[in-house]
Full PDB file with SEQRES, HELIX, SHEET, SSBOND, CRYST1, ORIGX, SCALE, CONECT and MASTER records, all heavy atoms in Angstrom:
SEQRES   1 A   35  VAL SER GLY LEU TYR ALA PRO SER LEU ASP LYS TYR CYS          
SEQRES   2 A   35  ALA ASN ALA TYR LEU PRO PRO SER TYR THR ARG ALA GLY          
SEQRES   3 A   35  THR GLU LEU GLY ILE SER LEU ARG GLY                          
HELIX    1 AA1 PRO A   20  TYR A   22  5                                   3    
SHEET    1 AA1 2 SER A   2  ALA A   6  0                                        
SHEET    2 AA1 2 LYS A  11  ASN A  15 -1                                        
CRYST1    1.000    1.000    1.000  90.00  90.00  90.00 P 1           1          
ORIGX1      1.000000  0.000000  0.000000        0.00000                         
ORIGX2      0.000000  1.000000  0.000000        0.00000                         
ORIGX3      0.000000  0.000000  1.000000        0.00000                         
SCALE1      1.000000  0.000000  0.000000        0.00000                         
SCALE2      0.000000  1.000000  0.000000        0.00000                         
SCALE3      0.000000  0.000000  1.000000        0.00000                         
ATOM      1  N   VAL A   1       0.886  -1.186   0.018  1.00  0.00           N  
ATOM      2  CA  VAL A   1       0.006  -0.043   0.022  1.00  0.00           C  
ATOM      3  C   VAL A   1       0.876   1.198  -0.016  1.00  0.00           C  
ATOM      4  O   VAL A   1       0.387   2.320  -0.394  1.00  0.00           O  
ATOM      5  CB  VAL A   1      -0.944  -0.023   1.107  1.00  0.00           C  
ATOM      6  CG1 VAL A   1      -2.006  -1.080   1.097  1.00  0.00           C  
ATOM      7  CG2 VAL A   1      -0.289  -0.177   2.521  1.00  0.00           C  
ATOM      8  N   SER A   2       2.125   1.132   0.400  1.00  0.00           N  
ATOM      9  CA  SER A   2       3.084   2.267   0.402  1.00  0.00           C  
ATOM     10  C   SER A   2       4.466   1.634   0.252  1.00  0.00           C  
ATOM     11  O   SER A   2       4.766   0.573   0.937  1.00  0.00           O  
ATOM     12  CB  SER A   2       3.081   3.164   1.691  1.00  0.00           C  
ATOM     13  OG  SER A   2       1.973   4.011   1.703  1.00  0.00           O  
ATOM     14  N   GLY A   3       5.292   2.165  -0.585  1.00  0.00           N  
ATOM     15  CA  GLY A   3       6.606   1.602  -0.868  1.00  0.00           C  
ATOM     16  C   GLY A   3       7.535   2.816  -1.208  1.00  0.00           C  
ATOM     17  O   GLY A   3       7.116   3.650  -2.085  1.00  0.00           O  
ATOM     18  N   LEU A   4       8.714   2.784  -0.580  1.00  0.00           N  
ATOM     19  CA  LEU A   4       9.685   3.863  -0.925  1.00  0.00           C  
ATOM     20  C   LEU A   4      11.055   3.603  -0.355  1.00  0.00           C  
ATOM     21  O   LEU A   4      11.223   2.555   0.342  1.00  0.00           O  
ATOM     22  CB  LEU A   4       9.089   5.132  -0.359  1.00  0.00           C  
ATOM     23  CG  LEU A   4       8.566   5.247   1.120  1.00  0.00           C  
ATOM     24  CD1 LEU A   4       9.614   5.040   2.161  1.00  0.00           C  
ATOM     25  CD2 LEU A   4       7.802   6.568   1.352  1.00  0.00           C  
ATOM     26  N   TYR A   5      11.911   4.493  -0.694  1.00  0.00           N  
ATOM     27  CA  TYR A   5      13.277   4.508  -0.005  1.00  0.00           C  
ATOM     28  C   TYR A   5      13.159   5.156   1.315  1.00  0.00           C  
ATOM     29  O   TYR A   5      12.764   6.340   1.372  1.00  0.00           O  
ATOM     30  CB  TYR A   5      14.282   5.099  -0.853  1.00  0.00           C  
ATOM     31  CG  TYR A   5      15.710   5.295  -0.366  1.00  0.00           C  
ATOM     32  CD1 TYR A   5      16.493   4.218  -0.037  1.00  0.00           C  
ATOM     33  CD2 TYR A   5      16.186   6.506  -0.047  1.00  0.00           C  
ATOM     34  CE1 TYR A   5      17.797   4.265   0.536  1.00  0.00           C  
ATOM     35  CE2 TYR A   5      17.453   6.690   0.414  1.00  0.00           C  
ATOM     36  CZ  TYR A   5      18.203   5.562   0.745  1.00  0.00           C  
ATOM     37  OH  TYR A   5      19.445   5.679   1.271  1.00  0.00           O  
ATOM     38  N   ALA A   6      13.576   4.534   2.413  1.00  0.00           N  
ATOM     39  CA  ALA A   6      13.680   5.122   3.693  1.00  0.00           C  
ATOM     40  C   ALA A   6      15.123   5.684   4.037  1.00  0.00           C  
ATOM     41  O   ALA A   6      15.982   4.768   4.364  1.00  0.00           O  
ATOM     42  CB  ALA A   6      13.255   4.078   4.717  1.00  0.00           C  
ATOM     43  N   PRO A   7      15.384   6.962   3.867  1.00  0.00           N  
ATOM     44  CA  PRO A   7      16.757   7.458   3.936  1.00  0.00           C  
ATOM     45  C   PRO A   7      17.389   7.192   5.307  1.00  0.00           C  
ATOM     46  O   PRO A   7      18.597   6.970   5.404  1.00  0.00           O  
ATOM     47  CB  PRO A   7      16.629   8.907   3.641  1.00  0.00           C  
ATOM     48  CG  PRO A   7      15.411   9.067   2.797  1.00  0.00           C  
ATOM     49  CD  PRO A   7      14.407   7.982   3.337  1.00  0.00           C  
ATOM     50  N   SER A   8      16.641   7.294   6.416  1.00  0.00           N  
ATOM     51  CA  SER A   8      17.253   7.096   7.742  1.00  0.00           C  
ATOM     52  C   SER A   8      17.747   5.692   7.997  1.00  0.00           C  
ATOM     53  O   SER A   8      18.563   5.468   8.701  1.00  0.00           O  
ATOM     54  CB  SER A   8      16.188   7.443   8.866  1.00  0.00           C  
ATOM     55  OG  SER A   8      15.732   8.751   8.635  1.00  0.00           O  
ATOM     56  N   LEU A   9      17.202   4.770   7.215  1.00  0.00           N  
ATOM     57  CA  LEU A   9      17.639   3.334   7.345  1.00  0.00           C  
ATOM     58  C   LEU A   9      18.481   2.865   6.097  1.00  0.00           C  
ATOM     59  O   LEU A   9      18.983   1.799   6.167  1.00  0.00           O  
ATOM     60  CB  LEU A   9      16.387   2.427   7.452  1.00  0.00           C  
ATOM     61  CG  LEU A   9      15.551   2.535   8.750  1.00  0.00           C  
ATOM     62  CD1 LEU A   9      14.587   3.738   8.739  1.00  0.00           C  
ATOM     63  CD2 LEU A   9      14.812   1.219   9.016  1.00  0.00           C  
ATOM     64  N   ASP A  10      18.444   3.675   5.140  1.00  0.00           N  
ATOM     65  CA  ASP A  10      19.135   3.322   3.850  1.00  0.00           C  
ATOM     66  C   ASP A  10      18.660   2.039   3.372  1.00  0.00           C  
ATOM     67  O   ASP A  10      19.405   1.111   2.911  1.00  0.00           O  
ATOM     68  CB  ASP A  10      20.708   3.176   4.009  1.00  0.00           C  
ATOM     69  CG  ASP A  10      21.379   3.183   2.737  1.00  0.00           C  
ATOM     70  OD1 ASP A  10      20.838   3.540   1.744  1.00  0.00           O  
ATOM     71  OD2 ASP A  10      22.525   2.642   2.723  1.00  0.00           O  
ATOM     72  N   LYS A  11      17.293   1.875   3.374  1.00  0.00           N  
ATOM     73  CA  LYS A  11      16.649   0.595   2.864  1.00  0.00           C  
ATOM     74  C   LYS A  11      15.317   1.024   2.029  1.00  0.00           C  
ATOM     75  O   LYS A  11      14.815   2.009   2.204  1.00  0.00           O  
ATOM     76  CB  LYS A  11      16.062  -0.285   4.051  1.00  0.00           C  
ATOM     77  CG  LYS A  11      17.229  -0.832   4.875  1.00  0.00           C  
ATOM     78  CD  LYS A  11      16.471  -1.632   5.999  1.00  0.00           C  
ATOM     79  CE  LYS A  11      17.583  -2.375   6.922  1.00  0.00           C  
ATOM     80  NZ  LYS A  11      16.887  -3.150   7.980  1.00  0.00           N  
ATOM     81  N   TYR A  12      15.019   0.093   1.164  1.00  0.00           N  
ATOM     82  CA  TYR A  12      13.747   0.228   0.450  1.00  0.00           C  
ATOM     83  C   TYR A  12      12.763  -0.634   1.337  1.00  0.00           C  
ATOM     84  O   TYR A  12      12.923  -1.752   1.648  1.00  0.00           O  
ATOM     85  CB  TYR A  12      13.848  -0.425  -1.040  1.00  0.00           C  
ATOM     86  CG  TYR A  12      14.377   0.699  -1.894  1.00  0.00           C  
ATOM     87  CD1 TYR A  12      15.827   0.562  -2.152  1.00  0.00           C  
ATOM     88  CD2 TYR A  12      13.760   1.664  -2.428  1.00  0.00           C  
ATOM     89  CE1 TYR A  12      16.418   1.499  -3.037  1.00  0.00           C  
ATOM     90  CE2 TYR A  12      14.284   2.597  -3.329  1.00  0.00           C  
ATOM     91  CZ  TYR A  12      15.698   2.426  -3.567  1.00  0.00           C  
ATOM     92  OH  TYR A  12      16.262   3.440  -4.405  1.00  0.00           O  
ATOM     93  N   CYS A  13      11.668   0.102   1.580  1.00  0.00           N  
ATOM     94  CA  CYS A  13      10.624  -0.500   2.543  1.00  0.00           C  
ATOM     95  C   CYS A  13       9.274  -0.436   2.013  1.00  0.00           C  
ATOM     96  O   CYS A  13       8.969   0.240   1.005  1.00  0.00           O  
ATOM     97  CB  CYS A  13      10.765   0.191   3.885  1.00  0.00           C  
ATOM     98  SG  CYS A  13      12.369   0.096   4.749  1.00  0.00           S  
ATOM     99  N   ALA A  14       8.321  -1.151   2.598  1.00  0.00           N  
ATOM    100  CA  ALA A  14       6.927  -1.229   2.158  1.00  0.00           C  
ATOM    101  C   ALA A  14       6.034  -1.473   3.265  1.00  0.00           C  
ATOM    102  O   ALA A  14       6.365  -2.231   4.278  1.00  0.00           O  
ATOM    103  CB  ALA A  14       6.768  -2.292   1.097  1.00  0.00           C  
ATOM    104  N   ASN A  15       4.812  -0.960   3.154  1.00  0.00           N  
ATOM    105  CA  ASN A  15       3.777  -1.306   4.098  1.00  0.00           C  
ATOM    106  C   ASN A  15       2.759  -2.172   3.335  1.00  0.00           C  
ATOM    107  O   ASN A  15       2.478  -1.917   2.070  1.00  0.00           O  
ATOM    108  CB  ASN A  15       2.967  -0.087   4.696  1.00  0.00           C  
ATOM    109  CG  ASN A  15       3.761   0.515   5.719  1.00  0.00           C  
ATOM    110  OD1 ASN A  15       4.631   0.000   6.454  1.00  0.00           O  
ATOM    111  ND2 ASN A  15       3.504   1.859   6.003  1.00  0.00           N  
ATOM    112  N   ALA A  16       2.180  -3.225   3.923  1.00  0.00           N  
ATOM    113  CA  ALA A  16       1.164  -4.031   3.290  1.00  0.00           C  
ATOM    114  C   ALA A  16       0.232  -4.586   4.296  1.00  0.00           C  
ATOM    115  O   ALA A  16       0.586  -4.806   5.525  1.00  0.00           O  
ATOM    116  CB  ALA A  16       1.969  -5.193   2.618  1.00  0.00           C  
ATOM    117  N   TYR A  17      -0.964  -4.903   3.969  1.00  0.00           N  
ATOM    118  CA  TYR A  17      -1.940  -5.593   4.751  1.00  0.00           C  
ATOM    119  C   TYR A  17      -1.765  -7.123   4.532  1.00  0.00           C  
ATOM    120  O   TYR A  17      -1.944  -7.625   3.451  1.00  0.00           O  
ATOM    121  CB  TYR A  17      -3.342  -5.145   4.476  1.00  0.00           C  
ATOM    122  CG  TYR A  17      -3.647  -3.889   5.188  1.00  0.00           C  
ATOM    123  CD1 TYR A  17      -3.378  -2.605   4.621  1.00  0.00           C  
ATOM    124  CD2 TYR A  17      -4.094  -3.825   6.534  1.00  0.00           C  
ATOM    125  CE1 TYR A  17      -3.680  -1.442   5.267  1.00  0.00           C  
ATOM    126  CE2 TYR A  17      -4.392  -2.623   7.247  1.00  0.00           C  
ATOM    127  CZ  TYR A  17      -4.092  -1.493   6.555  1.00  0.00           C  
ATOM    128  OH  TYR A  17      -4.430  -0.302   7.180  1.00  0.00           O  
ATOM    129  N   LEU A  18      -1.476  -7.805   5.616  1.00  0.00           N  
ATOM    130  CA  LEU A  18      -1.227  -9.234   5.421  1.00  0.00           C  
ATOM    131  C   LEU A  18      -1.997 -10.045   6.562  1.00  0.00           C  
ATOM    132  O   LEU A  18      -2.380  -9.448   7.637  1.00  0.00           O  
ATOM    133  CB  LEU A  18       0.262  -9.548   5.808  1.00  0.00           C  
ATOM    134  CG  LEU A  18       1.269  -8.761   4.912  1.00  0.00           C  
ATOM    135  CD1 LEU A  18       2.731  -9.131   5.380  1.00  0.00           C  
ATOM    136  CD2 LEU A  18       1.138  -9.179   3.474  1.00  0.00           C  
ATOM    137  N   PRO A  19      -2.238 -11.263   6.336  1.00  0.00           N  
ATOM    138  CA  PRO A  19      -2.804 -12.126   7.408  1.00  0.00           C  
ATOM    139  C   PRO A  19      -1.962 -12.050   8.664  1.00  0.00           C  
ATOM    140  O   PRO A  19      -0.683 -12.069   8.537  1.00  0.00           O  
ATOM    141  CB  PRO A  19      -2.746 -13.597   6.715  1.00  0.00           C  
ATOM    142  CG  PRO A  19      -2.752 -13.425   5.266  1.00  0.00           C  
ATOM    143  CD  PRO A  19      -2.001 -12.134   5.105  1.00  0.00           C  
ATOM    144  N   PRO A  20      -2.518 -11.996   9.795  1.00  0.00           N  
ATOM    145  CA  PRO A  20      -1.787 -11.762  11.120  1.00  0.00           C  
ATOM    146  C   PRO A  20      -0.611 -12.822  11.261  1.00  0.00           C  
ATOM    147  O   PRO A  20       0.456 -12.507  11.823  1.00  0.00           O  
ATOM    148  CB  PRO A  20      -2.850 -11.947  12.191  1.00  0.00           C  
ATOM    149  CG  PRO A  20      -4.042 -11.464  11.541  1.00  0.00           C  
ATOM    150  CD  PRO A  20      -4.012 -11.950  10.087  1.00  0.00           C  
ATOM    151  N   SER A  21      -0.759 -14.013  10.679  1.00  0.00           N  
ATOM    152  CA  SER A  21       0.224 -15.121  11.002  1.00  0.00           C  
ATOM    153  C   SER A  21       1.515 -14.705  10.268  1.00  0.00           C  
ATOM    154  O   SER A  21       2.637 -15.330  10.513  1.00  0.00           O  
ATOM    155  CB  SER A  21      -0.224 -16.415  10.510  1.00  0.00           C  
ATOM    156  OG  SER A  21      -0.653 -16.344   9.116  1.00  0.00           O  
ATOM    157  N   TYR A  22       1.435 -13.807   9.301  1.00  0.00           N  
ATOM    158  CA  TYR A  22       2.718 -13.450   8.475  1.00  0.00           C  
ATOM    159  C   TYR A  22       3.323 -12.100   9.024  1.00  0.00           C  
ATOM    160  O   TYR A  22       4.247 -11.633   8.342  1.00  0.00           O  
ATOM    161  CB  TYR A  22       2.375 -13.335   7.057  1.00  0.00           C  
ATOM    162  CG  TYR A  22       2.027 -14.575   6.365  1.00  0.00           C  
ATOM    163  CD1 TYR A  22       0.743 -15.044   6.098  1.00  0.00           C  
ATOM    164  CD2 TYR A  22       3.099 -15.503   6.114  1.00  0.00           C  
ATOM    165  CE1 TYR A  22       0.451 -16.157   5.457  1.00  0.00           C  
ATOM    166  CE2 TYR A  22       2.760 -16.711   5.402  1.00  0.00           C  
ATOM    167  CZ  TYR A  22       1.463 -17.062   5.236  1.00  0.00           C  
ATOM    168  OH  TYR A  22       1.103 -18.216   4.524  1.00  0.00           O  
ATOM    169  N   THR A  23       2.747 -11.501  10.129  1.00  0.00           N  
ATOM    170  CA  THR A  23       3.275 -10.196  10.484  1.00  0.00           C  
ATOM    171  C   THR A  23       4.276 -10.105  11.580  1.00  0.00           C  
ATOM    172  O   THR A  23       4.639  -9.090  12.064  1.00  0.00           O  
ATOM    173  CB  THR A  23       2.049  -9.287  10.875  1.00  0.00           C  
ATOM    174  OG1 THR A  23       1.352  -9.898  11.935  1.00  0.00           O  
ATOM    175  CG2 THR A  23       1.064  -9.110   9.716  1.00  0.00           C  
ATOM    176  N   ARG A  24       4.717 -11.204  12.034  1.00  0.00           N  
ATOM    177  CA  ARG A  24       5.738 -11.293  13.134  1.00  0.00           C  
ATOM    178  C   ARG A  24       7.060 -10.796  12.622  1.00  0.00           C  
ATOM    179  O   ARG A  24       7.504 -11.138  11.444  1.00  0.00           O  
ATOM    180  CB  ARG A  24       5.855 -12.729  13.646  1.00  0.00           C  
ATOM    181  CG  ARG A  24       6.775 -12.887  14.823  1.00  0.00           C  
ATOM    182  CD  ARG A  24       6.901 -14.333  15.300  1.00  0.00           C  
ATOM    183  NE  ARG A  24       7.801 -14.434  16.436  1.00  0.00           N  
ATOM    184  CZ  ARG A  24       7.326 -14.489  17.703  1.00  0.00           C  
ATOM    185  NH1 ARG A  24       6.060 -14.384  17.863  1.00  0.00           N  
ATOM    186  NH2 ARG A  24       8.135 -14.609  18.689  1.00  0.00           N  
ATOM    187  N   ALA A  25       7.754  -9.939  13.351  1.00  0.00           N  
ATOM    188  CA  ALA A  25       9.017  -9.421  12.943  1.00  0.00           C  
ATOM    189  C   ALA A  25       9.971 -10.540  12.699  1.00  0.00           C  
ATOM    190  O   ALA A  25      10.061 -11.404  13.482  1.00  0.00           O  
ATOM    191  CB  ALA A  25       9.522  -8.416  13.947  1.00  0.00           C  
ATOM    192  N   GLY A  26      10.719 -10.455  11.635  1.00  0.00           N  
ATOM    193  CA  GLY A  26      11.685 -11.455  11.275  1.00  0.00           C  
ATOM    194  C   GLY A  26      11.231 -12.467  10.197  1.00  0.00           C  
ATOM    195  O   GLY A  26      11.975 -13.254   9.672  1.00  0.00           O  
ATOM    196  N   THR A  27       9.862 -12.455   9.987  1.00  0.00           N  
ATOM    197  CA  THR A  27       9.270 -13.316   8.932  1.00  0.00           C  
ATOM    198  C   THR A  27       9.700 -13.011   7.554  1.00  0.00           C  
ATOM    199  O   THR A  27       9.695 -11.888   7.220  1.00  0.00           O  
ATOM    200  CB  THR A  27       7.774 -13.278   9.003  1.00  0.00           C  
ATOM    201  OG1 THR A  27       7.334 -13.579  10.346  1.00  0.00           O  
ATOM    202  CG2 THR A  27       7.176 -14.208   8.011  1.00  0.00           C  
ATOM    203  N   GLU A  28      10.229 -14.021   6.814  1.00  0.00           N  
ATOM    204  CA  GLU A  28      10.774 -13.667   5.451  1.00  0.00           C  
ATOM    205  C   GLU A  28       9.704 -13.976   4.455  1.00  0.00           C  
ATOM    206  O   GLU A  28       9.082 -15.043   4.546  1.00  0.00           O  
ATOM    207  CB  GLU A  28      11.940 -14.560   5.183  1.00  0.00           C  
ATOM    208  CG  GLU A  28      13.312 -14.060   5.908  1.00  0.00           C  
ATOM    209  CD  GLU A  28      14.625 -14.447   5.209  1.00  0.00           C  
ATOM    210  OE1 GLU A  28      14.463 -14.768   3.895  1.00  0.00           O  
ATOM    211  OE2 GLU A  28      15.600 -14.379   5.907  1.00  0.00           O  
ATOM    212  N   LEU A  29       9.413 -13.014   3.635  1.00  0.00           N  
ATOM    213  CA  LEU A  29       8.397 -13.132   2.548  1.00  0.00           C  
ATOM    214  C   LEU A  29       9.045 -12.703   1.281  1.00  0.00           C  
ATOM    215  O   LEU A  29      10.246 -12.549   1.135  1.00  0.00           O  
ATOM    216  CB  LEU A  29       7.162 -12.221   2.940  1.00  0.00           C  
ATOM    217  CG  LEU A  29       6.526 -12.577   4.225  1.00  0.00           C  
ATOM    218  CD1 LEU A  29       5.507 -11.403   4.594  1.00  0.00           C  
ATOM    219  CD2 LEU A  29       5.809 -13.900   4.262  1.00  0.00           C  
ATOM    220  N   GLY A  30       8.171 -12.626   0.115  1.00  0.00           N  
ATOM    221  CA  GLY A  30       8.593 -12.169  -1.040  1.00  0.00           C  
ATOM    222  C   GLY A  30       7.677 -11.027  -1.598  1.00  0.00           C  
ATOM    223  O   GLY A  30       6.559 -10.851  -1.205  1.00  0.00           O  
ATOM    224  N   ILE A  31       8.325 -10.153  -2.294  1.00  0.00           N  
ATOM    225  CA  ILE A  31       7.518  -9.076  -3.009  1.00  0.00           C  
ATOM    226  C   ILE A  31       7.771  -9.209  -4.527  1.00  0.00           C  
ATOM    227  O   ILE A  31       8.955  -9.270  -4.907  1.00  0.00           O  
ATOM    228  CB  ILE A  31       7.890  -7.677  -2.584  1.00  0.00           C  
ATOM    229  CG1 ILE A  31       7.583  -7.508  -1.054  1.00  0.00           C  
ATOM    230  CG2 ILE A  31       7.141  -6.584  -3.309  1.00  0.00           C  
ATOM    231  CD1 ILE A  31       7.942  -6.190  -0.437  1.00  0.00           C  
ATOM    232  N   SER A  32       6.656  -9.330  -5.301  1.00  0.00           N  
ATOM    233  CA  SER A  32       6.845  -9.522  -6.711  1.00  0.00           C  
ATOM    234  C   SER A  32       7.027  -8.111  -7.429  1.00  0.00           C  
ATOM    235  O   SER A  32       6.045  -7.351  -7.433  1.00  0.00           O  
ATOM    236  CB  SER A  32       5.669 -10.216  -7.287  1.00  0.00           C  
ATOM    237  OG  SER A  32       5.775 -10.259  -8.700  1.00  0.00           O  
ATOM    238  N   LEU A  33       8.103  -7.861  -7.879  1.00  0.00           N  
ATOM    239  CA  LEU A  33       8.431  -6.540  -8.682  1.00  0.00           C  
ATOM    240  C   LEU A  33       8.303  -6.813 -10.169  1.00  0.00           C  
ATOM    241  O   LEU A  33       9.261  -7.214 -10.896  1.00  0.00           O  
ATOM    242  CB  LEU A  33       9.774  -6.015  -8.317  1.00  0.00           C  
ATOM    243  CG  LEU A  33       9.894  -5.256  -6.989  1.00  0.00           C  
ATOM    244  CD1 LEU A  33       9.554  -6.127  -5.812  1.00  0.00           C  
ATOM    245  CD2 LEU A  33      11.328  -4.662  -6.835  1.00  0.00           C  
ATOM    246  N   ARG A  34       7.032  -6.608 -10.613  1.00  0.00           N  
ATOM    247  CA  ARG A  34       6.773  -6.872 -12.018  1.00  0.00           C  
ATOM    248  C   ARG A  34       7.173  -8.295 -12.479  1.00  0.00           C  
ATOM    249  O   ARG A  34       7.828  -8.444 -13.472  1.00  0.00           O  
ATOM    250  CB  ARG A  34       7.409  -5.823 -12.927  1.00  0.00           C  
ATOM    251  CG  ARG A  34       6.858  -4.425 -12.689  1.00  0.00           C  
ATOM    252  CD  ARG A  34       7.582  -3.459 -13.559  1.00  0.00           C  
ATOM    253  NE  ARG A  34       7.015  -2.069 -13.375  1.00  0.00           N  
ATOM    254  CZ  ARG A  34       7.501  -0.973 -14.080  1.00  0.00           C  
ATOM    255  NH1 ARG A  34       8.432  -1.070 -14.904  1.00  0.00           N  
ATOM    256  NH2 ARG A  34       6.873   0.125 -13.764  1.00  0.00           N  
ATOM    257  N   GLY A  35       6.875  -9.244 -11.634  1.00  0.00           N  
ATOM    258  CA  GLY A  35       7.155 -10.680 -11.931  1.00  0.00           C  
ATOM    259  C   GLY A  35       8.468 -11.187 -11.395  1.00  0.00           C  
ATOM    260  O   GLY A  35       8.735 -12.382 -11.389  1.00  0.00           O  
TER     261      GLY A  35                                                      
MASTER        0    0    0    1    2    0    0    6  260    1    0    3          
END                                                                             
C-alpha cells in the first residue's frame, strides 16, 4: 500500500496488509516486482 526508499535506514521498505500469521517481525516473505 506504500513503498519507498527510507533514507534514515538506507533501505527500500513497504507497508502491506497481511494475514496476522505473517506479520511477526523477522518473517521472510517475497515481493513481486513486475514478476
